[in-house]
């Protein structure tokens, strides 16, 4: 009685599997269908190849070195050990690679980002499971992957690698907590050192702060009273109104985006002596708006 076997892979990552193929099974007395092939996978698991069955697949769950053996028994009870065409030892390692979650807390509307590095050249694809039922599949040379969550909770992120042996078990790389941004930004106007000078207000400056996703823009409206006359600012020039009410209706909102350092400024053309009124507010990326503030300043020089 003789038998020969082959393993299609002998180097795996945890979660991948091998296929054992019977290359030859013969006996002087029993037909192949009457020969029982008892397979010991080396990891505590056992199975059988019966009848005309010629191959079987097995998954390895944990890193380690496992020797596969096959015990062949014919109908008469005679037994022998199967011979392997190549090695019968399967080496299983942990999934390689370096994966990092850039921010553990992400505002809904902002991207969650995972960076990828150290992925072996035999990997054909990388799959990032985001925990919300969605995944991103990318090539091994991809440096980072982004995902947008749509609900508020904590998500466990898992990375899986695929090579010729199939997809390995995923590695949990951490949790991401998502929240809605419900807090309004804060906006401040910087008072000039010489507040009564017209020249001091030709550039209006200030700062913003936001505990959430960040401030999207600052809006200002500018009015000036010169004697008994009212003027409103369009963003380019001052226009005289017939009354205060008309000035309020026609005044234009000037919108400006804050800098990366959370500062803002607006240049004003044609400003003259009088009483300047600045009304300003900020709105964040989720449309939360700050309380509007007003600054009144008499310009005499």
C-alpha atoms as a PDB file:
ATOM      1  CA  UNK A   1       0.000   0.000   0.000  1.00  0.00           C
ATOM      2  CA  UNK A   2       1.432   3.382  -1.012  1.00  0.00           C
ATOM      3  CA  UNK A   3       0.300   6.986  -0.857  1.00  0.00           C
ATOM      4  CA  UNK A   4       1.784  10.369  -1.714  1.00  0.00           C
ATOM      5  CA  UNK A   5       0.508  13.819  -0.770  1.00  0.00           C
ATOM      6  CA  UNK A   6       1.216  17.476  -1.374  1.00  0.00           C
ATOM      7  CA  UNK A   7       0.443  20.715   0.478  1.00  0.00           C
ATOM      8  CA  UNK A   8      -0.207  23.729  -1.743  1.00  0.00           C
ATOM      9  CA  UNK A   9       1.198  26.183   0.844  1.00  0.00           C
ATOM     10  CA  UNK A  10       3.588  25.656   3.727  1.00  0.00           C
ATOM     11  CA  UNK A  11       4.027  29.289   4.791  1.00  0.00           C
ATOM     12  CA  UNK A  12       0.879  30.985   6.064  1.00  0.00           C
ATOM     13  CA  UNK A  13      -0.430  33.860   8.122  1.00  0.00           C
ATOM     14  CA  UNK A  14      -2.894  33.197  10.901  1.00  0.00           C
ATOM     15  CA  UNK A  15      -6.348  32.563   9.449  1.00  0.00           C
ATOM     16  CA  UNK A  16      -5.144  31.216   6.124  1.00  0.00           C
ATOM     17  CA  UNK A  17      -5.389  27.576   5.099  1.00  0.00           C
ATOM     18  CA  UNK A  18      -3.763  24.795   3.100  1.00  0.00           C
ATOM     19  CA  UNK A  19      -5.119  22.236   0.684  1.00  0.00           C
ATOM     20  CA  UNK A  20      -3.906  18.671   1.128  1.00  0.00           C
ATOM     21  CA  UNK A  21      -3.994  16.790  -2.190  1.00  0.00           C
ATOM     22  CA  UNK A  22      -3.623  13.042  -2.576  1.00  0.00           C
ATOM     23  CA  UNK A  23      -1.278  12.520  -5.526  1.00  0.00           C
ATOM     24  CA  UNK A  24      -1.365   8.738  -5.366  1.00  0.00           C
ATOM     25  CA  UNK A  25      -3.233   6.234  -3.206  1.00  0.00           C
ATOM     26  CA  UNK A  26      -2.930   2.540  -4.113  1.00  0.00           C
ATOM     27  CA  UNK A  27      -3.220  -0.868  -2.500  1.00  0.00           C
ATOM     28  CA  UNK A  28      -2.716  -4.465  -3.668  1.00  0.00           C
ATOM     29  CA  UNK A  29      -6.028  -5.566  -2.144  1.00  0.00           C
ATOM     30  CA  UNK A  30      -8.408  -2.636  -1.644  1.00  0.00           C
ATOM     31  CA  UNK A  31      -9.772  -0.220  -4.230  1.00  0.00           C
ATOM     32  CA  UNK A  32      -9.114   3.457  -3.542  1.00  0.00           C
ATOM     33  CA  UNK A  33     -12.701   4.023  -2.460  1.00  0.00           C
ATOM     34  CA  UNK A  34     -12.176   1.441   0.299  1.00  0.00           C
ATOM     35  CA  UNK A  35      -9.005   3.072   1.647  1.00  0.00           C
ATOM     36  CA  UNK A  36      -9.445   5.382   4.616  1.00  0.00           C
ATOM     37  CA  UNK A  37      -7.019   8.298   4.934  1.00  0.00           C
ATOM     38  CA  UNK A  38      -6.764   9.764   8.430  1.00  0.00           C
ATOM     39  CA  UNK A  39      -5.307  13.304   8.428  1.00  0.00           C
ATOM     40  CA  UNK A  40      -3.654  14.849  11.467  1.00  0.00           C
ATOM     41  CA  UNK A  41      -3.197  18.564  10.780  1.00  0.00           C
ATOM     42  CA  UNK A  42      -0.741  19.005  13.647  1.00  0.00           C
ATOM     43  CA  UNK A  43      -2.816  21.607  15.493  1.00  0.00           C
ATOM     44  CA  UNK A  44      -5.104  19.224  17.349  1.00  0.00           C
ATOM     45  CA  UNK A  45      -7.546  18.934  14.462  1.00  0.00           C
ATOM     46  CA  UNK A  46      -8.214  15.719  12.522  1.00  0.00           C
ATOM     47  CA  UNK A  47     -10.187  14.741   9.430  1.00  0.00           C
ATOM     48  CA  UNK A  48     -10.631  11.958   6.883  1.00  0.00           C
ATOM     49  CA  UNK A  49     -10.302  11.518   3.150  1.00  0.00           C
ATOM     50  CA  UNK A  50     -12.794   8.830   2.227  1.00  0.00           C
ATOM     51  CA  UNK A  51     -13.647   7.040  -0.964  1.00  0.00           C
ATOM     52  CA  UNK A  52     -12.720   8.951  -4.081  1.00  0.00           C
ATOM     53  CA  UNK A  53     -12.068  12.206  -2.175  1.00  0.00           C
ATOM     54  CA  UNK A  54      -8.681  13.511  -3.318  1.00  0.00           C
ATOM     55  CA  UNK A  55      -8.226  16.806  -1.474  1.00  0.00           C
ATOM     56  CA  UNK A  56      -9.192  18.682   1.655  1.00  0.00           C
ATOM     57  CA  UNK A  57      -8.708  22.227   2.920  1.00  0.00           C
ATOM     58  CA  UNK A  58      -7.802  23.209   6.488  1.00  0.00           C
ATOM     59  CA  UNK A  59      -7.495  26.583   8.237  1.00  0.00           C
ATOM     60  CA  UNK A  60      -4.805  27.416  10.801  1.00  0.00           C
ATOM     61  CA  UNK A  61      -5.893  29.855  13.464  1.00  0.00           C
ATOM     62  CA  UNK A  62      -2.748  30.476  15.491  1.00  0.00           C
ATOM     63  CA  UNK A  63       0.938  31.125  14.774  1.00  0.00           C
ATOM     64  CA  UNK A  64       3.183  28.104  15.099  1.00  0.00           C
ATOM     65  CA  UNK A  65       4.820  25.212  13.278  1.00  0.00           C
ATOM     66  CA  UNK A  66       2.543  22.289  12.397  1.00  0.00           C
ATOM     67  CA  UNK A  67       3.492  18.940  10.871  1.00  0.00           C
ATOM     68  CA  UNK A  68       0.791  17.278   8.796  1.00  0.00           C
ATOM     69  CA  UNK A  69       0.624  13.472   8.758  1.00  0.00           C
ATOM     70  CA  UNK A  70      -1.648  11.046   6.939  1.00  0.00           C
ATOM     71  CA  UNK A  71      -2.342   7.498   8.149  1.00  0.00           C
ATOM     72  CA  UNK A  72      -3.685   5.248   5.407  1.00  0.00           C
ATOM     73  CA  UNK A  73      -5.739   2.138   6.284  1.00  0.00           C
ATOM     74  CA  UNK A  74      -7.114  -0.401   3.824  1.00  0.00           C
ATOM     75  CA  UNK A  75     -10.161  -2.605   4.155  1.00  0.00           C
ATOM     76  CA  UNK A  76      -8.120  -5.383   5.720  1.00  0.00           C
ATOM     77  CA  UNK A  77      -6.879  -3.084   8.483  1.00  0.00           C
ATOM     78  CA  UNK A  78      -3.373  -2.653   7.173  1.00  0.00           C
ATOM     79  CA  UNK A  79      -1.926   0.821   7.821  1.00  0.00           C
ATOM     80  CA  UNK A  80       0.956   2.910   6.562  1.00  0.00           C
ATOM     81  CA  UNK A  81       2.074   6.522   6.691  1.00  0.00           C
ATOM     82  CA  UNK A  82       1.617   8.793   3.711  1.00  0.00           C
ATOM     83  CA  UNK A  83       4.662  10.298   2.049  1.00  0.00           C
ATOM     84  CA  UNK A  84       4.772  13.987   1.165  1.00  0.00           C
ATOM     85  CA  UNK A  85       6.154  15.165  -2.155  1.00  0.00           C
ATOM     86  CA  UNK A  86       7.774  18.119  -0.398  1.00  0.00           C
ATOM     87  CA  UNK A  87       7.690  19.336   3.182  1.00  0.00           C
ATOM     88  CA  UNK A  88       4.841  18.337   5.465  1.00  0.00           C
ATOM     89  CA  UNK A  89       5.436  21.188   7.901  1.00  0.00           C
ATOM     90  CA  UNK A  90       3.254  24.287   7.804  1.00  0.00           C
ATOM     91  CA  UNK A  91       4.641  27.474   9.373  1.00  0.00           C
ATOM     92  CA  UNK A  92       2.054  30.025  10.486  1.00  0.00           C
ATOM     93  CA  UNK A  93       3.020  33.570  11.519  1.00  0.00           C
ATOM     94  CA  UNK A  94       1.169  36.629  12.739  1.00  0.00           C
ATOM     95  CA  UNK A  95      -0.072  39.049  10.121  1.00  0.00           C
ATOM     96  CA  UNK A  96       2.764  41.492   9.317  1.00  0.00           C
ATOM     97  CA  UNK A  97       2.542  45.225   8.763  1.00  0.00           C
ATOM     98  CA  UNK A  98       2.290  48.417  10.782  1.00  0.00           C
ATOM     99  CA  UNK A  99      -1.151  49.994  10.976  1.00  0.00           C
ATOM    100  CA  UNK A 100      -2.074  53.104  12.933  1.00  0.00           C
ATOM    101  CA  UNK A 101      -5.258  55.048  13.573  1.00  0.00           C
ATOM    102  CA  UNK A 102      -4.363  58.721  13.154  1.00  0.00           C
ATOM    103  CA  UNK A 103      -7.115  60.055  15.453  1.00  0.00           C
ATOM    104  CA  UNK A 104      -8.984  57.973  18.004  1.00  0.00           C
ATOM    105  CA  UNK A 105     -11.804  60.539  18.144  1.00  0.00           C
ATOM    106  CA  UNK A 106     -13.343  61.721  14.895  1.00  0.00           C
ATOM    107  CA  UNK A 107     -16.141  64.198  14.313  1.00  0.00           C
ATOM    108  CA  UNK A 108     -18.847  62.949  11.984  1.00  0.00           C
ATOM    109  CA  UNK A 109     -18.185  64.676   8.689  1.00  0.00           C
ATOM    110  CA  UNK A 110     -14.412  64.443   9.078  1.00  0.00           C
ATOM    111  CA  UNK A 111     -12.467  61.448   7.716  1.00  0.00           C
ATOM    112  CA  UNK A 112     -11.177  58.626   9.873  1.00  0.00           C
ATOM    113  CA  UNK A 113      -7.635  57.838   8.702  1.00  0.00           C
ATOM    114  CA  UNK A 114      -5.550  54.668   9.002  1.00  0.00           C
ATOM    115  CA  UNK A 115      -1.905  54.615   7.892  1.00  0.00           C
ATOM    116  CA  UNK A 116      -0.310  51.501   6.375  1.00  0.00           C
ATOM    117  CA  UNK A 117       3.365  50.496   6.339  1.00  0.00           C
ATOM    118  CA  UNK A 118       5.638  47.472   6.264  1.00  0.00           C
ATOM    119  CA  UNK A 119       3.385  45.323   4.063  1.00  0.00           C
ATOM    120  CA  UNK A 120       5.254  42.419   2.386  1.00  0.00           C
ATOM    121  CA  UNK A 121       5.632  42.285  -1.386  1.00  0.00           C
ATOM    122  CA  UNK A 122       3.587  39.079  -1.722  1.00  0.00           C
ATOM    123  CA  UNK A 123       0.417  40.838  -0.545  1.00  0.00           C
ATOM    124  CA  UNK A 124      -2.035  41.417  -3.393  1.00  0.00           C
ATOM    125  CA  UNK A 125      -4.556  43.539  -1.497  1.00  0.00           C
ATOM    126  CA  UNK A 126      -5.202  45.145   1.862  1.00  0.00           C
ATOM    127  CA  UNK A 127      -8.677  45.391   3.300  1.00  0.00           C
ATOM    128  CA  UNK A 128      -9.580  47.762   6.132  1.00  0.00           C
ATOM    129  CA  UNK A 129     -12.814  46.934   7.928  1.00  0.00           C
ATOM    130  CA  UNK A 130     -14.194  50.026   9.628  1.00  0.00           C
ATOM    131  CA  UNK A 131     -16.618  48.299  11.997  1.00  0.00           C
ATOM    132  CA  UNK A 132     -19.756  49.822  10.481  1.00  0.00           C
ATOM    133  CA  UNK A 133     -20.260  47.101   7.890  1.00  0.00           C
ATOM    134  CA  UNK A 134     -18.078  48.840   5.327  1.00  0.00           C
ATOM    135  CA  UNK A 135     -14.539  48.183   4.163  1.00  0.00           C
ATOM    136  CA  UNK A 136     -11.870  49.763   1.970  1.00  0.00           C
ATOM    137  CA  UNK A 137      -9.750  47.586  -0.330  1.00  0.00           C
ATOM    138  CA  UNK A 138      -6.424  49.036  -1.481  1.00  0.00           C
ATOM    139  CA  UNK A 139      -3.052  47.968  -2.834  1.00  0.00           C
ATOM    140  CA  UNK A 140      -0.124  47.165  -0.573  1.00  0.00           C
ATOM    141  CA  UNK A 141       1.759  50.379  -1.441  1.00  0.00           C
ATOM    142  CA  UNK A 142      -1.096  52.591  -0.244  1.00  0.00           C
ATOM    143  CA  UNK A 143       0.084  54.813   2.606  1.00  0.00           C
ATOM    144  CA  UNK A 144      -3.242  55.817   4.135  1.00  0.00           C
ATOM    145  CA  UNK A 145      -6.928  54.988   3.883  1.00  0.00           C
ATOM    146  CA  UNK A 146      -9.850  57.298   4.716  1.00  0.00           C
ATOM    147  CA  UNK A 147     -13.418  56.571   5.724  1.00  0.00           C
ATOM    148  CA  UNK A 148     -16.413  58.703   6.662  1.00  0.00           C
ATOM    149  CA  UNK A 149     -18.709  57.480   9.421  1.00  0.00           C
ATOM    150  CA  UNK A 150     -22.363  58.517   9.464  1.00  0.00           C
ATOM    151  CA  UNK A 151     -23.409  57.690  13.013  1.00  0.00           C
ATOM    152  CA  UNK A 152     -22.169  58.214  16.534  1.00  0.00           C
ATOM    153  CA  UNK A 153     -20.616  55.344  18.505  1.00  0.00           C
ATOM    154  CA  UNK A 154     -17.350  53.431  18.969  1.00  0.00           C
ATOM    155  CA  UNK A 155     -16.002  51.354  16.075  1.00  0.00           C
ATOM    156  CA  UNK A 156     -13.347  48.623  16.060  1.00  0.00           C
ATOM    157  CA  UNK A 157     -11.065  48.822  13.018  1.00  0.00           C
ATOM    158  CA  UNK A 158      -9.600  45.633  11.531  1.00  0.00           C
ATOM    159  CA  UNK A 159      -6.991  45.159   8.799  1.00  0.00           C
ATOM    160  CA  UNK A 160      -6.757  42.025   6.635  1.00  0.00           C
ATOM    161  CA  UNK A 161      -4.086  41.036   4.111  1.00  0.00           C
ATOM    162  CA  UNK A 162      -4.507  38.768   1.091  1.00  0.00           C
ATOM    163  CA  UNK A 163      -1.845  36.852  -0.827  1.00  0.00           C
ATOM    164  CA  UNK A 164      -1.868  33.698  -2.940  1.00  0.00           C
ATOM    165  CA  UNK A 165      -2.911  31.647   0.106  1.00  0.00           C
ATOM    166  CA  UNK A 166      -6.038  33.752   0.597  1.00  0.00           C
ATOM    167  CA  UNK A 167      -7.122  36.328   3.136  1.00  0.00           C
ATOM    168  CA  UNK A 168      -5.528  36.154   6.570  1.00  0.00           C
ATOM    169  CA  UNK A 169      -7.382  36.749   9.782  1.00  0.00           C
ATOM    170  CA  UNK A 170      -7.713  40.416  10.506  1.00  0.00           C
ATOM    171  CA  UNK A 171      -5.766  42.266  13.123  1.00  0.00           C
ATOM    172  CA  UNK A 172      -7.783  44.618  15.312  1.00  0.00           C
ATOM    173  CA  UNK A 173      -5.752  47.824  15.328  1.00  0.00           C
ATOM    174  CA  UNK A 174      -7.892  49.863  17.729  1.00  0.00           C
ATOM    175  CA  UNK A 175     -11.141  51.742  18.200  1.00  0.00           C
ATOM    176  CA  UNK A 176     -12.411  54.989  16.732  1.00  0.00           C
ATOM    177  CA  UNK A 177     -15.046  57.012  18.561  1.00  0.00           C
ATOM    178  CA  UNK A 178     -17.293  59.210  16.439  1.00  0.00           C
ATOM    179  CA  UNK A 179     -19.349  62.149  17.682  1.00  0.00           C
ATOM    180  CA  UNK A 180     -21.580  64.841  16.281  1.00  0.00           C
ATOM    181  CA  UNK A 181     -20.276  68.391  16.593  1.00  0.00           C
ATOM    182  CA  UNK A 182     -22.992  70.247  18.478  1.00  0.00           C
ATOM    183  CA  UNK A 183     -20.939  73.042  20.045  1.00  0.00           C
ATOM    184  CA  UNK A 184     -20.908  76.553  18.622  1.00  0.00           C
ATOM    185  CA  UNK A 185     -17.636  78.349  17.855  1.00  0.00           C
ATOM    186  CA  UNK A 186     -16.416  81.400  19.720  1.00  0.00           C
ATOM    187  CA  UNK A 187     -15.376  84.584  17.916  1.00  0.00           C
ATOM    188  CA  UNK A 188     -13.412  87.564  19.210  1.00  0.00           C
ATOM    189  CA  UNK A 189     -12.519  90.945  17.781  1.00  0.00           C
ATOM    190  CA  UNK A 190      -9.091  92.365  18.543  1.00  0.00           C
ATOM    191  CA  UNK A 191      -9.276  95.946  19.758  1.00  0.00           C
ATOM    192  CA  UNK A 192      -6.625  98.180  18.123  1.00  0.00           C
ATOM    193  CA  UNK A 193      -4.048  99.945  20.265  1.00  0.00           C
ATOM    194  CA  UNK A 194      -5.364 103.302  19.023  1.00  0.00           C
ATOM    195  CA  UNK A 195      -9.102 102.632  18.779  1.00  0.00           C
ATOM    196  CA  UNK A 196     -10.144 106.213  17.913  1.00  0.00           C
ATOM    197  CA  UNK A 197      -7.934 106.354  14.801  1.00  0.00           C
ATOM    198  CA  UNK A 198      -9.552 105.684  11.426  1.00  0.00           C
ATOM    199  CA  UNK A 199      -6.345 103.999  10.277  1.00  0.00           C
ATOM    200  CA  UNK A 200      -6.595 101.489  13.135  1.00  0.00           C
ATOM    201  CA  UNK A 201      -9.828 100.061  11.687  1.00  0.00           C
ATOM    202  CA  UNK A 202      -8.841  99.768   8.052  1.00  0.00           C
ATOM    203  CA  UNK A 203      -8.030  96.168   8.883  1.00  0.00           C
ATOM    204  CA  UNK A 204     -10.333  94.506  11.390  1.00  0.00           C
ATOM    205  CA  UNK A 205      -8.771  91.483  13.069  1.00  0.00           C
ATOM    206  CA  UNK A 206      -9.835  88.767  15.456  1.00  0.00           C
ATOM    207  CA  UNK A 207      -9.617  85.140  16.526  1.00  0.00           C
ATOM    208  CA  UNK A 208     -11.900  82.122  16.641  1.00  0.00           C
ATOM    209  CA  UNK A 209     -12.014  78.883  18.600  1.00  0.00           C
ATOM    210  CA  UNK A 210     -14.117  75.761  18.300  1.00  0.00           C
ATOM    211  CA  UNK A 211     -14.265  72.564  20.345  1.00  0.00           C
ATOM    212  CA  UNK A 212     -15.551  70.564  17.403  1.00  0.00           C
ATOM    213  CA  UNK A 213     -14.665  70.250  13.731  1.00  0.00           C
ATOM    214  CA  UNK A 214     -13.464  73.823  13.402  1.00  0.00           C
ATOM    215  CA  UNK A 215     -14.733  77.224  12.332  1.00  0.00           C
ATOM    216  CA  UNK A 216     -15.830  77.508   8.706  1.00  0.00           C
ATOM    217  CA  UNK A 217     -16.118  81.279   8.438  1.00  0.00           C
ATOM    218  CA  UNK A 218     -16.593  84.585  10.219  1.00  0.00           C
ATOM    219  CA  UNK A 219     -19.281  86.968   9.030  1.00  0.00           C
ATOM    220  CA  UNK A 220     -19.303  90.745   9.574  1.00  0.00           C
ATOM    221  CA  UNK A 221     -21.630  93.619   8.761  1.00  0.00           C
ATOM    222  CA  UNK A 222     -20.366  97.200   8.955  1.00  0.00           C
ATOM    223  CA  UNK A 223     -22.325 100.404   9.448  1.00  0.00           C
ATOM    224  CA  UNK A 224     -21.061 103.910  10.097  1.00  0.00           C
ATOM    225  CA  UNK A 225     -22.860 107.012  11.279  1.00  0.00           C
ATOM    226  CA  UNK A 226     -21.339 110.239   9.999  1.00  0.00           C
ATOM    227  CA  UNK A 227     -23.151 113.112  11.634  1.00  0.00           C
ATOM    228  CA  UNK A 228     -26.831 112.325  11.120  1.00  0.00           C
ATOM    229  CA  UNK A 229     -26.237 110.203   7.988  1.00  0.00           C
ATOM    230  CA  UNK A 230     -25.973 106.420   7.897  1.00  0.00           C
ATOM    231  CA  UNK A 231     -23.685 104.432   5.606  1.00  0.00           C
ATOM    232  CA  UNK A 232     -23.482 100.701   4.965  1.00  0.00           C
ATOM    233  CA  UNK A 233     -20.509  98.760   3.644  1.00  0.00           C
ATOM    234  CA  UNK A 234     -20.802  96.444   0.627  1.00  0.00           C
ATOM    235  CA  UNK A 235     -17.405  94.844   0.924  1.00  0.00           C
ATOM    236  CA  UNK A 236     -15.987  97.262  -1.655  1.00  0.00           C
ATOM    237  CA  UNK A 237     -17.328 100.688  -0.721  1.00  0.00           C
ATOM    238  CA  UNK A 238     -19.536 102.682   1.614  1.00  0.00           C
ATOM    239  CA  UNK A 239     -22.997 103.694   0.397  1.00  0.00           C
ATOM    240  CA  UNK A 240     -25.150 106.353   1.993  1.00  0.00           C
ATOM    241  CA  UNK A 241     -28.578 105.177   3.115  1.00  0.00           C
ATOM    242  CA  UNK A 242     -31.729 107.240   3.533  1.00  0.00           C
ATOM    243  CA  UNK A 243     -32.149 105.955   7.076  1.00  0.00           C
ATOM    244  CA  UNK A 244     -30.758 103.554   9.632  1.00  0.00           C
ATOM    245  CA  UNK A 245     -33.451 101.011   8.717  1.00  0.00           C
ATOM    246  CA  UNK A 246     -32.485 101.142   5.057  1.00  0.00           C
ATOM    247  CA  UNK A 247     -28.821 100.743   5.952  1.00  0.00           C
ATOM    248  CA  UNK A 248     -29.658  97.630   7.987  1.00  0.00           C
ATOM    249  CA  UNK A 249     -31.627  96.129   5.089  1.00  0.00           C
ATOM    250  CA  UNK A 250     -29.012  96.804   2.424  1.00  0.00           C
ATOM    251  CA  UNK A 251     -25.810  96.087   4.319  1.00  0.00           C
ATOM    252  CA  UNK A 252     -23.846  93.103   2.998  1.00  0.00           C
ATOM    253  CA  UNK A 253     -22.376  90.327   5.105  1.00  0.00           C
ATOM    254  CA  UNK A 254     -18.646  89.987   4.569  1.00  0.00           C
ATOM    255  CA  UNK A 255     -17.529  86.380   4.994  1.00  0.00           C
ATOM    256  CA  UNK A 256     -13.931  85.413   5.648  1.00  0.00           C
ATOM    257  CA  UNK A 257     -12.323  82.053   6.341  1.00  0.00           C
ATOM    258  CA  UNK A 258     -10.088  81.786   9.404  1.00  0.00           C
ATOM    259  CA  UNK A 259      -6.453  80.824   8.961  1.00  0.00           C
ATOM    260  CA  UNK A 260      -4.953  77.559  10.194  1.00  0.00           C
ATOM    261  CA  UNK A 261      -3.954  79.471  13.337  1.00  0.00           C
ATOM    262  CA  UNK A 262      -7.594  80.482  13.942  1.00  0.00           C
ATOM    263  CA  UNK A 263      -7.112  84.155  13.164  1.00  0.00           C
ATOM    264  CA  UNK A 264      -9.162  86.256  10.776  1.00  0.00           C
ATOM    265  CA  UNK A 265      -9.019  89.730   9.259  1.00  0.00           C
ATOM    266  CA  UNK A 266     -10.992  91.944   6.908  1.00  0.00           C
ATOM    267  CA  UNK A 267      -9.658  94.999   5.092  1.00  0.00           C
ATOM    268  CA  UNK A 268     -12.007  97.997   4.945  1.00  0.00           C
ATOM    269  CA  UNK A 269     -11.871 100.589   2.171  1.00  0.00           C
ATOM    270  CA  UNK A 270     -13.022 104.180   2.406  1.00  0.00           C
ATOM    271  CA  UNK A 271     -13.518 104.368   6.153  1.00  0.00           C
ATOM    272  CA  UNK A 272     -13.899 107.906   7.540  1.00  0.00           C
ATOM    273  CA  UNK A 273     -14.458 109.682  10.835  1.00  0.00           C
ATOM    274  CA  UNK A 274     -17.741 108.874  12.523  1.00  0.00           C
ATOM    275  CA  UNK A 275     -19.170 106.122  14.687  1.00  0.00           C
ATOM    276  CA  UNK A 276     -18.362 102.634  13.417  1.00  0.00           C
ATOM    277  CA  UNK A 277     -20.597  99.656  14.179  1.00  0.00           C
ATOM    278  CA  UNK A 278     -19.212  96.154  13.639  1.00  0.00           C
ATOM    279  CA  UNK A 279     -21.545  93.175  14.072  1.00  0.00           C
ATOM    280  CA  UNK A 280     -19.805  89.810  13.795  1.00  0.00           C
ATOM    281  CA  UNK A 281     -20.407  86.088  14.330  1.00  0.00           C
ATOM    282  CA  UNK A 282     -18.848  82.755  13.380  1.00  0.00           C
ATOM    283  CA  UNK A 283     -20.219  79.488  12.017  1.00  0.00           C
ATOM    284  CA  UNK A 284     -18.513  76.094  12.204  1.00  0.00           C
ATOM    285  CA  UNK A 285     -18.323  73.232   9.712  1.00  0.00           C
ATOM    286  CA  UNK A 286     -21.562  71.736  11.039  1.00  0.00           C
ATOM    287  CA  UNK A 287     -23.434  75.055  10.774  1.00  0.00           C
ATOM    288  CA  UNK A 288     -23.380  75.736  14.510  1.00  0.00           C
ATOM    289  CA  UNK A 289     -23.379  79.513  14.872  1.00  0.00           C
ATOM    290  CA  UNK A 290     -21.895  81.637  17.603  1.00  0.00           C
ATOM    291  CA  UNK A 291     -23.781  84.384  19.333  1.00  0.00           C
ATOM    292  CA  UNK A 292     -23.586  87.586  17.318  1.00  0.00           C
ATOM    293  CA  UNK A 293     -21.515  90.341  18.902  1.00  0.00           C
ATOM    294  CA  UNK A 294     -21.417  94.068  18.245  1.00  0.00           C
ATOM    295  CA  UNK A 295     -18.655  96.618  18.600  1.00  0.00           C
ATOM    296  CA  UNK A 296     -19.325 100.359  18.619  1.00  0.00           C
ATOM    297  CA  UNK A 297     -16.373 102.687  18.178  1.00  0.00           C
ATOM    298  CA  UNK A 298     -16.179 106.437  17.696  1.00  0.00           C
ATOM    299  CA  UNK A 299     -13.486 107.455  15.204  1.00  0.00           C
ATOM    300  CA  UNK A 300     -12.171 110.977  15.730  1.00  0.00           C
ATOM    301  CA  UNK A 301      -8.667 110.978  14.243  1.00  0.00           C
END
